[in-house]
Amino acid sequence: MDLNYLYERQQVSLFRAENAACDHSRDTHAALAAGYAARIDEAKRRRPQLALVA
């Protein structure tokens, strides 16, 4: 998967979490952001040269 896509989705999820109207939405978007962060970390572990770019 493209790291740029994952970074974009993570940022959108963080923004939505910060601006959520209720706790449930805030928690859901924060969990999505954490999931994207985990996928980014996994991609970097599999291909260490990616860590130098991002």
N, C-alpha and C. Protein backbone atom coordinates (compact mmCIF):
# COMPACT_ATOMS: atom_id res chain seq x y z
N MET A 1 0.85 -1.18 0.00
CA MET A 1 0.00 0.00 0.00
C MET A 1 0.89 1.24 0.00
N ASP A 2 0.40 2.26 -0.63
CA ASP A 2 1.12 3.53 -0.74
C ASP A 2 1.17 4.24 0.62
N LEU A 3 2.36 4.57 1.07
CA LEU A 3 2.50 5.25 2.35
C LEU A 3 1.82 6.62 2.35
N ASN A 4 1.84 7.31 1.23
CA ASN A 4 1.19 8.62 1.18
C ASN A 4 -0.29 8.50 1.48
N TYR A 5 -0.92 7.45 0.97
CA TYR A 5 -2.34 7.22 1.25
C TYR A 5 -2.55 7.00 2.75
N LEU A 6 -1.71 6.17 3.35
CA LEU A 6 -1.85 5.88 4.78
C LEU A 6 -1.63 7.14 5.62
N TYR A 7 -0.63 7.93 5.26
CA TYR A 7 -0.39 9.18 6.00
C TYR A 7 -1.58 10.13 5.85
N GLU A 8 -2.13 10.22 4.66
CA GLU A 8 -3.29 11.10 4.44
C GLU A 8 -4.47 10.64 5.28
N ARG A 9 -4.76 9.35 5.25
CA ARG A 9 -5.90 8.82 6.00
C ARG A 9 -5.69 9.02 7.51
N GLN A 10 -4.45 8.85 7.97
CA GLN A 10 -4.16 9.06 9.38
C GLN A 10 -4.44 10.52 9.76
N GLN A 11 -3.99 11.45 8.94
CA GLN A 11 -4.20 12.87 9.24
C GLN A 11 -5.68 13.24 9.21
N VAL A 12 -6.42 12.71 8.26
CA VAL A 12 -7.86 12.97 8.19
C VAL A 12 -8.54 12.42 9.44
N SER A 13 -8.16 11.22 9.85
CA SER A 13 -8.76 10.62 11.04
C SER A 13 -8.43 11.43 12.30
N LEU A 14 -7.20 11.91 12.41
CA LEU A 14 -6.83 12.74 13.55
C LEU A 14 -7.63 14.04 13.57
N PHE A 15 -7.78 14.66 12.40
CA PHE A 15 -8.56 15.89 12.31
C PHE A 15 -10.00 15.64 12.72
N ARG A 16 -10.57 14.55 12.22
CA ARG A 16 -11.96 14.24 12.55
C ARG A 16 -12.12 13.91 14.03
N ALA A 17 -11.13 13.26 14.61
CA ALA A 17 -11.19 12.97 16.05
C ALA A 17 -11.18 14.26 16.85
N GLU A 18 -10.32 15.19 16.47
CA GLU A 18 -10.22 16.46 17.19
C GLU A 18 -11.49 17.30 17.06
N ASN A 19 -12.22 17.12 15.97
CA ASN A 19 -13.39 17.94 15.71
C ASN A 19 -14.70 17.17 15.83
N ALA A 20 -14.67 16.02 16.45
CA ALA A 20 -15.85 15.18 16.56
C ALA A 20 -16.89 15.80 17.49
N ALA A 21 -18.14 15.54 17.17
CA ALA A 21 -19.24 16.10 17.94
C ALA A 21 -19.55 15.30 19.21
N CYS A 22 -19.10 14.06 19.26
CA CYS A 22 -19.39 13.23 20.43
C CYS A 22 -18.21 12.31 20.74
N ASP A 23 -18.24 11.75 21.93
CA ASP A 23 -17.15 10.87 22.36
C ASP A 23 -17.01 9.64 21.48
N HIS A 24 -18.13 9.06 21.08
CA HIS A 24 -18.08 7.85 20.25
C HIS A 24 -17.36 8.14 18.93
N SER A 25 -17.71 9.22 18.27
CA SER A 25 -17.05 9.59 17.01
C SER A 25 -15.58 9.89 17.24
N ARG A 26 -15.27 10.60 18.31
CA ARG A 26 -13.89 10.94 18.63
C ARG A 26 -13.07 9.66 18.84
N ASP A 27 -13.62 8.72 19.60
CA ASP A 27 -12.91 7.46 19.86
C ASP A 27 -12.74 6.64 18.59
N THR A 28 -13.77 6.61 17.76
CA THR A 28 -13.70 5.85 16.52
C THR A 28 -12.63 6.40 15.59
N HIS A 29 -12.61 7.71 15.41
CA HIS A 29 -11.62 8.32 14.52
C HIS A 29 -10.21 8.20 15.10
N ALA A 30 -10.08 8.30 16.41
CA ALA A 30 -8.77 8.12 17.04
C ALA A 30 -8.27 6.68 16.84
N ALA A 31 -9.18 5.72 16.93
CA ALA A 31 -8.81 4.32 16.71
C ALA A 31 -8.39 4.09 15.26
N LEU A 32 -9.10 4.72 14.34
CA LEU A 32 -8.71 4.62 12.93
C LEU A 32 -7.31 5.19 12.72
N ALA A 33 -7.05 6.34 13.31
CA ALA A 33 -5.72 6.97 13.18
C ALA A 33 -4.64 6.05 13.75
N ALA A 34 -4.92 5.43 14.87
CA ALA A 34 -3.95 4.50 15.47
C ALA A 34 -3.72 3.30 14.56
N GLY A 35 -4.77 2.83 13.93
CA GLY A 35 -4.64 1.72 12.99
C GLY A 35 -3.78 2.08 11.79
N TYR A 36 -3.99 3.28 11.27
CA TYR A 36 -3.15 3.74 10.15
C TYR A 36 -1.70 3.87 10.59
N ALA A 37 -1.47 4.37 11.80
CA ALA A 37 -0.10 4.49 12.31
C ALA A 37 0.57 3.13 12.41
N ALA A 38 -0.19 2.14 12.85
CA ALA A 38 0.36 0.78 12.95
C ALA A 38 0.71 0.23 11.57
N ARG A 39 -0.14 0.51 10.60
CA ARG A 39 0.15 0.04 9.23
C ARG A 39 1.37 0.74 8.66
N ILE A 40 1.53 2.02 8.97
CA ILE A 40 2.71 2.77 8.51
C ILE A 40 3.97 2.17 9.15
N ASP A 41 3.91 1.93 10.45
CA ASP A 41 5.07 1.34 11.14
C ASP A 41 5.42 -0.02 10.57
N GLU A 42 4.41 -0.83 10.31
CA GLU A 42 4.65 -2.17 9.75
C GLU A 42 5.30 -2.06 8.37
N ALA A 43 4.83 -1.15 7.55
CA ALA A 43 5.41 -0.97 6.21
C ALA A 43 6.87 -0.54 6.32
N LYS A 44 7.17 0.32 7.27
CA LYS A 44 8.55 0.78 7.46
C LYS A 44 9.45 -0.34 7.97
N ARG A 45 8.90 -1.21 8.81
CA ARG A 45 9.68 -2.34 9.31
C ARG A 45 10.00 -3.33 8.20
N ARG A 46 9.04 -3.53 7.33
CA ARG A 46 9.25 -4.47 6.22
C ARG A 46 10.23 -3.92 5.19
N ARG A 47 10.21 -2.61 5.03
CA ARG A 47 11.09 -1.96 4.05
C ARG A 47 11.74 -0.77 4.71
N PRO A 48 12.85 -0.98 5.41
CA PRO A 48 13.51 0.09 6.18
C PRO A 48 13.84 1.34 5.37
N GLN A 49 14.07 1.20 4.08
CA GLN A 49 14.39 2.38 3.27
C GLN A 49 13.21 3.36 3.22
N LEU A 50 12.00 2.90 3.48
CA LEU A 50 10.84 3.79 3.51
C LEU A 50 10.92 4.76 4.69
N ALA A 51 11.52 4.35 5.76
CA ALA A 51 11.63 5.20 6.95
C ALA A 51 12.47 6.44 6.67
N LEU A 52 13.36 6.35 5.71
CA LEU A 52 14.20 7.50 5.37
C LEU A 52 13.44 8.55 4.59
N VAL A 53 12.40 8.14 3.87
CA VAL A 53 11.63 9.05 3.02
C VAL A 53 10.61 9.82 3.84
N ALA A 54 9.93 9.15 4.74
CA ALA A 54 8.82 9.77 5.45
C ALA A 54 9.22 10.45 6.72
